[in-house]
Amino acid sequence: MSARTMIILGIVGSLIVGLGEYLLHFLPSGPGGEVSMLEHVPIERASTGHFLAILGAPLYFVGYYGLKRLFYPTSPRLATLLNVLGVLAFFIGGIWISSRYFAAEVLQRSAGTPDHAFYLQSYEDHYQILVWCLRLIIAALSMTYIILIIKNKQGLPKWLAIFNPIVLLVIIISSLVWFKPLGVHLAPTAMNVTHFIFFTLIYFFANQSNINHEVA
């Protein structure tokens, strides 16, 4: 399978997981807190989103392996690091996303009971902390990507370094402030929107340059 085909599969993964996470998280009034939103999402809709997100998540691994093959001629070590960080990020992200439906059900069923505060705190301590681990890894991944783009030997434009995952993620989440009618739809699935843009830009310019490396 070519590097470009693998990146396309990464794009497909971002769409499938993005739809799943949207169904899990979307609230017309905005997401509110990252955990408290689960107290209000419709359970049946969240159940559908749960299975979609799990179905699409492995495609992120394929997409990042495609990036490794694409950037391998520039720096084998950095290309491998990019792949490792991408796989680690979405391994942790997959664990987190798989917890969301069950957390929503537990929090909604325990609302108004003495157990609710315990379940809420337990979820924050054991699962919500994974989001911050994920974001730190995405920041490290973004720095690796920036170096690869600046050094790249494939003819990719160096300004693509600006559109790295951590910058895109900040822009998308901040849309809740600068354009909330759009932000309420983008922020609940921000990491997937980030990677849809990220993978698509790389694929477009790799395709323009007819880059199609077959590095193992």
C-alpha atoms as a PDB file:
ATOM      1  CA  MET A   1       0.000   0.000   0.000  1.00  0.00           C
ATOM      2  CA  SER A   2       1.427   3.393  -0.962  1.00  0.00           C
ATOM      3  CA  ALA A   3       2.170   6.160   1.532  1.00  0.00           C
ATOM      4  CA  ARG A   4      -0.472   8.380  -0.057  1.00  0.00           C
ATOM      5  CA  THR A   5      -3.102   5.650   0.171  1.00  0.00           C
ATOM      6  CA  MET A   6      -2.304   5.199   3.844  1.00  0.00           C
ATOM      7  CA  ILE A   7      -2.705   8.938   4.437  1.00  0.00           C
ATOM      8  CA  ILE A   8      -6.097   8.757   2.705  1.00  0.00           C
ATOM      9  CA  LEU A   9      -7.071   6.035   5.188  1.00  0.00           C
ATOM     10  CA  GLY A  10      -5.992   8.399   7.964  1.00  0.00           C
ATOM     11  CA  ILE A  11      -8.369  11.003   6.504  1.00  0.00           C
ATOM     12  CA  VAL A  12     -11.171   8.415   6.448  1.00  0.00           C
ATOM     13  CA  GLY A  13     -10.374   7.594  10.072  1.00  0.00           C
ATOM     14  CA  SER A  14     -10.656  11.249  11.076  1.00  0.00           C
ATOM     15  CA  LEU A  15     -14.102  11.400   9.437  1.00  0.00           C
ATOM     16  CA  ILE A  16     -15.418   8.207  11.057  1.00  0.00           C
ATOM     17  CA  VAL A  17     -14.052   8.972  14.523  1.00  0.00           C
ATOM     18  CA  GLY A  18     -15.081  12.599  14.086  1.00  0.00           C
ATOM     19  CA  LEU A  19     -18.677  11.624  13.411  1.00  0.00           C
ATOM     20  CA  GLY A  20     -18.617   9.233  16.367  1.00  0.00           C
ATOM     21  CA  GLU A  21     -17.214  11.835  18.733  1.00  0.00           C
ATOM     22  CA  TYR A  22     -19.689  14.423  17.458  1.00  0.00           C
ATOM     23  CA  LEU A  23     -22.562  12.062  18.316  1.00  0.00           C
ATOM     24  CA  LEU A  24     -20.981  11.428  21.713  1.00  0.00           C
ATOM     25  CA  HIS A  25     -20.381  15.062  22.615  1.00  0.00           C
ATOM     26  CA  PHE A  26     -22.496  17.550  20.682  1.00  0.00           C
ATOM     27  CA  LEU A  27     -24.790  19.830  22.682  1.00  0.00           C
ATOM     28  CA  PRO A  28     -26.619  22.727  20.971  1.00  0.00           C
ATOM     29  CA  SER A  29     -25.564  25.098  23.752  1.00  0.00           C
ATOM     30  CA  GLY A  30     -21.898  24.139  23.468  1.00  0.00           C
ATOM     31  CA  PRO A  31     -19.791  21.476  25.137  1.00  0.00           C
ATOM     32  CA  GLY A  32     -19.450  23.112  28.544  1.00  0.00           C
ATOM     33  CA  GLY A  33     -17.016  21.083  30.649  1.00  0.00           C
ATOM     34  CA  GLU A  34     -15.223  18.115  29.112  1.00  0.00           C
ATOM     35  CA  VAL A  35     -16.794  15.788  31.677  1.00  0.00           C
ATOM     36  CA  SER A  36     -19.967  17.647  32.626  1.00  0.00           C
ATOM     37  CA  MET A  37     -21.094  17.547  28.969  1.00  0.00           C
ATOM     38  CA  LEU A  38     -21.615  13.813  29.429  1.00  0.00           C
ATOM     39  CA  GLU A  39     -24.377  14.508  31.918  1.00  0.00           C
ATOM     40  CA  HIS A  40     -26.535  15.947  29.137  1.00  0.00           C
ATOM     41  CA  VAL A  41     -25.835  14.062  25.895  1.00  0.00           C
ATOM     42  CA  PRO A  42     -28.659  11.772  24.687  1.00  0.00           C
ATOM     43  CA  ILE A  43     -27.672   8.227  25.634  1.00  0.00           C
ATOM     44  CA  GLU A  44     -28.935   6.501  22.477  1.00  0.00           C
ATOM     45  CA  ARG A  45     -27.067   8.939  20.252  1.00  0.00           C
ATOM     46  CA  ALA A  46     -23.938   8.550  22.381  1.00  0.00           C
ATOM     47  CA  SER A  47     -24.157   4.764  22.013  1.00  0.00           C
ATOM     48  CA  THR A  48     -24.032   5.054  18.216  1.00  0.00           C
ATOM     49  CA  GLY A  49     -21.125   7.475  18.471  1.00  0.00           C
ATOM     50  CA  HIS A  50     -19.253   5.082  20.754  1.00  0.00           C
ATOM     51  CA  PHE A  51     -19.180   2.298  18.155  1.00  0.00           C
ATOM     52  CA  LEU A  52     -18.298   4.620  15.269  1.00  0.00           C
ATOM     53  CA  ALA A  53     -15.378   6.124  17.178  1.00  0.00           C
ATOM     54  CA  ILE A  54     -13.968   2.697  18.071  1.00  0.00           C
ATOM     55  CA  LEU A  55     -14.425   1.477  14.489  1.00  0.00           C
ATOM     56  CA  GLY A  56     -12.479   4.355  12.954  1.00  0.00           C
ATOM     57  CA  ALA A  57      -9.699   4.811  15.525  1.00  0.00           C
ATOM     58  CA  PRO A  58      -7.266   2.171  14.104  1.00  0.00           C
ATOM     59  CA  LEU A  59      -7.161   4.072  10.809  1.00  0.00           C
ATOM     60  CA  TYR A  60      -5.199   6.810  12.566  1.00  0.00           C
ATOM     61  CA  PHE A  61      -2.368   4.297  13.035  1.00  0.00           C
ATOM     62  CA  VAL A  62      -2.395   3.640   9.296  1.00  0.00           C
ATOM     63  CA  GLY A  63      -2.333   7.374   8.538  1.00  0.00           C
ATOM     64  CA  TYR A  64       0.674   7.978  10.760  1.00  0.00           C
ATOM     65  CA  TYR A  65       2.515   5.021   9.285  1.00  0.00           C
ATOM     66  CA  GLY A  66       1.900   6.634   5.903  1.00  0.00           C
ATOM     67  CA  LEU A  67       3.518   9.839   7.212  1.00  0.00           C
ATOM     68  CA  LYS A  68       6.524   7.833   8.398  1.00  0.00           C
ATOM     69  CA  ARG A  69       6.992   6.425   4.908  1.00  0.00           C
ATOM     70  CA  LEU A  70       6.489   9.833   3.336  1.00  0.00           C
ATOM     71  CA  PHE A  71       9.118  11.573   5.467  1.00  0.00           C
ATOM     72  CA  TYR A  72      11.580   8.653   5.734  1.00  0.00           C
ATOM     73  CA  PRO A  73      13.974  10.034   3.075  1.00  0.00           C
ATOM     74  CA  THR A  74      14.258  13.301   5.027  1.00  0.00           C
ATOM     75  CA  SER A  75      15.163  11.687   8.357  1.00  0.00           C
ATOM     76  CA  PRO A  76      14.547   8.025   9.190  1.00  0.00           C
ATOM     77  CA  ARG A  77      14.802   8.721  12.929  1.00  0.00           C
ATOM     78  CA  LEU A  78      12.437  11.688  12.948  1.00  0.00           C
ATOM     79  CA  ALA A  79       9.988   9.934  10.621  1.00  0.00           C
ATOM     80  CA  THR A  80       9.950   6.925  12.950  1.00  0.00           C
ATOM     81  CA  LEU A  81       9.519   9.215  15.976  1.00  0.00           C
ATOM     82  CA  LEU A  82       6.573  10.909  14.270  1.00  0.00           C
ATOM     83  CA  ASN A  83       4.962   7.507  13.726  1.00  0.00           C
ATOM     84  CA  VAL A  84       5.614   6.364  17.309  1.00  0.00           C
ATOM     85  CA  LEU A  85       4.155   9.563  18.765  1.00  0.00           C
ATOM     86  CA  GLY A  86       1.118   9.344  16.472  1.00  0.00           C
ATOM     87  CA  VAL A  87       0.427   5.730  17.429  1.00  0.00           C
ATOM     88  CA  LEU A  88       0.936   6.506  21.132  1.00  0.00           C
ATOM     89  CA  ALA A  89      -1.364   9.530  20.941  1.00  0.00           C
ATOM     90  CA  PHE A  90      -4.220   7.619  19.357  1.00  0.00           C
ATOM     91  CA  PHE A  91      -3.685   4.535  21.494  1.00  0.00           C
ATOM     92  CA  ILE A  92      -4.279   6.754  24.529  1.00  0.00           C
ATOM     93  CA  GLY A  93      -7.021   8.629  22.676  1.00  0.00           C
ATOM     94  CA  GLY A  94      -8.736   5.338  21.837  1.00  0.00           C
ATOM     95  CA  ILE A  95      -8.788   4.318  25.495  1.00  0.00           C
ATOM     96  CA  TRP A  96     -10.263   7.708  26.407  1.00  0.00           C
ATOM     97  CA  ILE A  97     -12.930   7.737  23.698  1.00  0.00           C
ATOM     98  CA  SER A  98     -13.997   4.214  24.612  1.00  0.00           C
ATOM     99  CA  SER A  99     -14.787   5.444  28.142  1.00  0.00           C
ATOM    100  CA  ARG A 100     -17.116   8.250  27.124  1.00  0.00           C
ATOM    101  CA  TYR A 101     -20.375   6.373  26.576  1.00  0.00           C
ATOM    102  CA  PHE A 102     -20.143   4.402  29.807  1.00  0.00           C
ATOM    103  CA  ALA A 103     -19.223   7.557  31.746  1.00  0.00           C
ATOM    104  CA  ALA A 104     -22.267   9.330  30.302  1.00  0.00           C
ATOM    105  CA  GLU A 105     -24.559   6.485  31.357  1.00  0.00           C
ATOM    106  CA  VAL A 106     -23.112   6.244  34.870  1.00  0.00           C
ATOM    107  CA  LEU A 107     -23.183  10.000  35.462  1.00  0.00           C
ATOM    108  CA  GLN A 108     -26.724  10.385  34.166  1.00  0.00           C
ATOM    109  CA  ARG A 109     -28.070   7.404  36.125  1.00  0.00           C
ATOM    110  CA  SER A 110     -26.357   8.526  39.342  1.00  0.00           C
ATOM    111  CA  ALA A 111     -27.470  12.180  39.049  1.00  0.00           C
ATOM    112  CA  GLY A 112     -29.073  13.331  42.296  1.00  0.00           C
ATOM    113  CA  THR A 113     -27.598  10.465  44.323  1.00  0.00           C
ATOM    114  CA  PRO A 114     -24.747  10.596  46.863  1.00  0.00           C
ATOM    115  CA  ASP A 115     -22.621   8.494  44.469  1.00  0.00           C
ATOM    116  CA  HIS A 116     -22.621  11.058  41.671  1.00  0.00           C
ATOM    117  CA  ALA A 117     -19.759  13.176  43.004  1.00  0.00           C
ATOM    118  CA  PHE A 118     -17.669  10.028  43.589  1.00  0.00           C
ATOM    119  CA  TYR A 119     -18.184   8.766  40.013  1.00  0.00           C
ATOM    120  CA  LEU A 120     -17.447  12.219  38.591  1.00  0.00           C
ATOM    121  CA  GLN A 121     -14.189  12.565  40.520  1.00  0.00           C
ATOM    122  CA  SER A 122     -13.142   8.992  39.759  1.00  0.00           C
ATOM    123  CA  TYR A 123     -13.650   9.547  36.030  1.00  0.00           C
ATOM    124  CA  GLU A 124     -11.656  12.771  36.082  1.00  0.00           C
ATOM    125  CA  ASP A 125      -8.802  11.102  37.982  1.00  0.00           C
ATOM    126  CA  HIS A 126      -8.563   7.982  35.819  1.00  0.00           C
ATOM    127  CA  TYR A 127      -9.723   8.966  32.320  1.00  0.00           C
ATOM    128  CA  GLN A 128      -9.893  12.726  31.875  1.00  0.00           C
ATOM    129  CA  ILE A 129      -6.221  12.945  32.754  1.00  0.00           C
ATOM    130  CA  LEU A 130      -5.564  10.955  29.561  1.00  0.00           C
ATOM    131  CA  VAL A 131      -6.702  13.960  27.511  1.00  0.00           C
ATOM    132  CA  TRP A 132      -3.848  16.038  28.908  1.00  0.00           C
ATOM    133  CA  CYS A 133      -1.374  13.223  28.198  1.00  0.00           C
ATOM    134  CA  LEU A 134      -2.739  13.109  24.641  1.00  0.00           C
ATOM    135  CA  ARG A 135      -2.294  16.867  24.200  1.00  0.00           C
ATOM    136  CA  LEU A 136       1.288  16.774  25.475  1.00  0.00           C
ATOM    137  CA  ILE A 137       2.115  13.991  23.017  1.00  0.00           C
ATOM    138  CA  ILE A 138       0.454  15.947  20.189  1.00  0.00           C
ATOM    139  CA  ALA A 139       2.627  18.949  21.107  1.00  0.00           C
ATOM    140  CA  ALA A 140       5.786  16.783  20.878  1.00  0.00           C
ATOM    141  CA  LEU A 141       4.501  15.256  17.634  1.00  0.00           C
ATOM    142  CA  SER A 142       3.920  18.738  16.225  1.00  0.00           C
ATOM    143  CA  MET A 143       7.502  19.797  16.975  1.00  0.00           C
ATOM    144  CA  THR A 144       8.763  16.662  15.221  1.00  0.00           C
ATOM    145  CA  TYR A 145       6.557  17.412  12.222  1.00  0.00           C
ATOM    146  CA  ILE A 146       7.756  21.030  12.051  1.00  0.00           C
ATOM    147  CA  ILE A 147      11.389  19.879  11.883  1.00  0.00           C
ATOM    148  CA  LEU A 148      10.557  17.317   9.205  1.00  0.00           C
ATOM    149  CA  ILE A 149       8.730  19.894   7.081  1.00  0.00           C
ATOM    150  CA  ILE A 150      11.531  22.434   7.385  1.00  0.00           C
ATOM    151  CA  LYS A 151      14.129  19.792   6.432  1.00  0.00           C
ATOM    152  CA  ASN A 152      11.959  17.880   3.952  1.00  0.00           C
ATOM    153  CA  LYS A 153      13.527  16.600   0.726  1.00  0.00           C
ATOM    154  CA  GLN A 154      10.208  15.915  -0.991  1.00  0.00           C
ATOM    155  CA  GLY A 155       9.481  19.438  -2.180  1.00  0.00           C
ATOM    156  CA  LEU A 156       6.661  20.058   0.306  1.00  0.00           C
ATOM    157  CA  PRO A 157       6.177  23.795   1.037  1.00  0.00           C
ATOM    158  CA  LYS A 158       7.820  24.794   4.289  1.00  0.00           C
ATOM    159  CA  TRP A 159       4.844  26.960   5.297  1.00  0.00           C
ATOM    160  CA  LEU A 160       2.994  23.696   5.988  1.00  0.00           C
ATOM    161  CA  ALA A 161       4.880  23.730   9.298  1.00  0.00           C
ATOM    162  CA  ILE A 162       2.388  26.357  10.484  1.00  0.00           C
ATOM    163  CA  PHE A 163      -0.466  23.886  10.082  1.00  0.00           C
ATOM    164  CA  ASN A 164       0.780  21.409  12.637  1.00  0.00           C
ATOM    165  CA  PRO A 165      -1.676  19.507  14.876  1.00  0.00           C
ATOM    166  CA  ILE A 166      -1.204  21.520  18.097  1.00  0.00           C
ATOM    167  CA  VAL A 167      -1.752  24.883  16.351  1.00  0.00           C
ATOM    168  CA  LEU A 168      -4.796  23.561  14.487  1.00  0.00           C
ATOM    169  CA  LEU A 169      -6.175  22.116  17.734  1.00  0.00           C
ATOM    170  CA  VAL A 170      -5.869  25.465  19.535  1.00  0.00           C
ATOM    171  CA  ILE A 171      -7.552  27.301  16.655  1.00  0.00           C
ATOM    172  CA  ILE A 172     -10.438  24.827  16.529  1.00  0.00           C
ATOM    173  CA  ILE A 173     -11.083  24.805  20.283  1.00  0.00           C
ATOM    174  CA  SER A 174     -10.809  28.609  20.439  1.00  0.00           C
ATOM    175  CA  SER A 175     -13.587  28.859  17.826  1.00  0.00           C
ATOM    176  CA  LEU A 176     -15.918  28.619  20.835  1.00  0.00           C
ATOM    177  CA  VAL A 177     -14.727  32.153  21.622  1.00  0.00           C
ATOM    178  CA  TRP A 178     -14.252  33.806  18.240  1.00  0.00           C
ATOM    179  CA  PHE A 179     -17.225  32.203  16.424  1.00  0.00           C
ATOM    180  CA  LYS A 180     -19.356  30.146  18.786  1.00  0.00           C
ATOM    181  CA  PRO A 181     -22.057  29.113  16.224  1.00  0.00           C
ATOM    182  CA  LEU A 182     -19.295  27.218  14.404  1.00  0.00           C
ATOM    183  CA  GLY A 183     -17.362  26.296  17.525  1.00  0.00           C
ATOM    184  CA  VAL A 184     -20.228  24.354  19.106  1.00  0.00           C
ATOM    185  CA  HIS A 185     -19.996  21.954  16.148  1.00  0.00           C
ATOM    186  CA  LEU A 186     -16.195  21.804  15.796  1.00  0.00           C
ATOM    187  CA  ALA A 187     -14.978  21.778  19.416  1.00  0.00           C
ATOM    188  CA  PRO A 188     -16.734  18.520  20.448  1.00  0.00           C
ATOM    189  CA  THR A 189     -14.643  16.673  17.880  1.00  0.00           C
ATOM    190  CA  ALA A 190     -11.627  18.999  17.738  1.00  0.00           C
ATOM    191  CA  MET A 191      -8.849  16.402  17.494  1.00  0.00           C
ATOM    192  CA  ASN A 192     -10.536  14.786  14.505  1.00  0.00           C
ATOM    193  CA  VAL A 193     -11.131  18.079  12.701  1.00  0.00           C
ATOM    194  CA  THR A 194      -7.468  18.856  13.386  1.00  0.00           C
ATOM    195  CA  HIS A 195      -6.327  15.635  11.764  1.00  0.00           C
ATOM    196  CA  PHE A 196      -8.723  15.892   8.852  1.00  0.00           C
ATOM    197  CA  ILE A 197      -7.095  19.227   7.962  1.00  0.00           C
ATOM    198  CA  PHE A 198      -3.583  17.966   8.800  1.00  0.00           C
ATOM    199  CA  PHE A 199      -3.746  14.763   6.744  1.00  0.00           C
ATOM    200  CA  THR A 200      -5.599  16.436   3.865  1.00  0.00           C
ATOM    201  CA  LEU A 201      -3.024  19.221   3.478  1.00  0.00           C
ATOM    202  CA  ILE A 202      -0.129  16.754   3.458  1.00  0.00           C
ATOM    203  CA  TYR A 203      -1.917  14.457   1.008  1.00  0.00           C
ATOM    204  CA  PHE A 204      -2.769  17.339  -1.335  1.00  0.00           C
ATOM    205  CA  PHE A 205       0.800  18.635  -1.565  1.00  0.00           C
ATOM    206  CA  ALA A 206       2.319  15.146  -1.670  1.00  0.00           C
ATOM    207  CA  ASN A 207      -0.032  14.382  -4.545  1.00  0.00           C
ATOM    208  CA  GLN A 208       0.949  17.633  -6.283  1.00  0.00           C
ATOM    209  CA  SER A 209       4.590  16.635  -5.994  1.00  0.00           C
ATOM    210  CA  ASN A 210       3.820  13.019  -6.958  1.00  0.00           C
ATOM    211  CA  ILE A 211       5.446  11.748  -3.759  1.00  0.00           C
ATOM    212  CA  ASN A 212       4.731   8.090  -3.160  1.00  0.00           C
ATOM    213  CA  HIS A 213       7.511   6.497  -1.126  1.00  0.00           C
ATOM    214  CA  GLU A 214       7.533   2.778  -0.498  1.00  0.00           C
ATOM    215  CA  VAL A 215       9.831   2.734   2.545  1.00  0.00           C
ATOM    216  CA  ALA A 216       9.158  -0.151   4.935  1.00  0.00           C
END
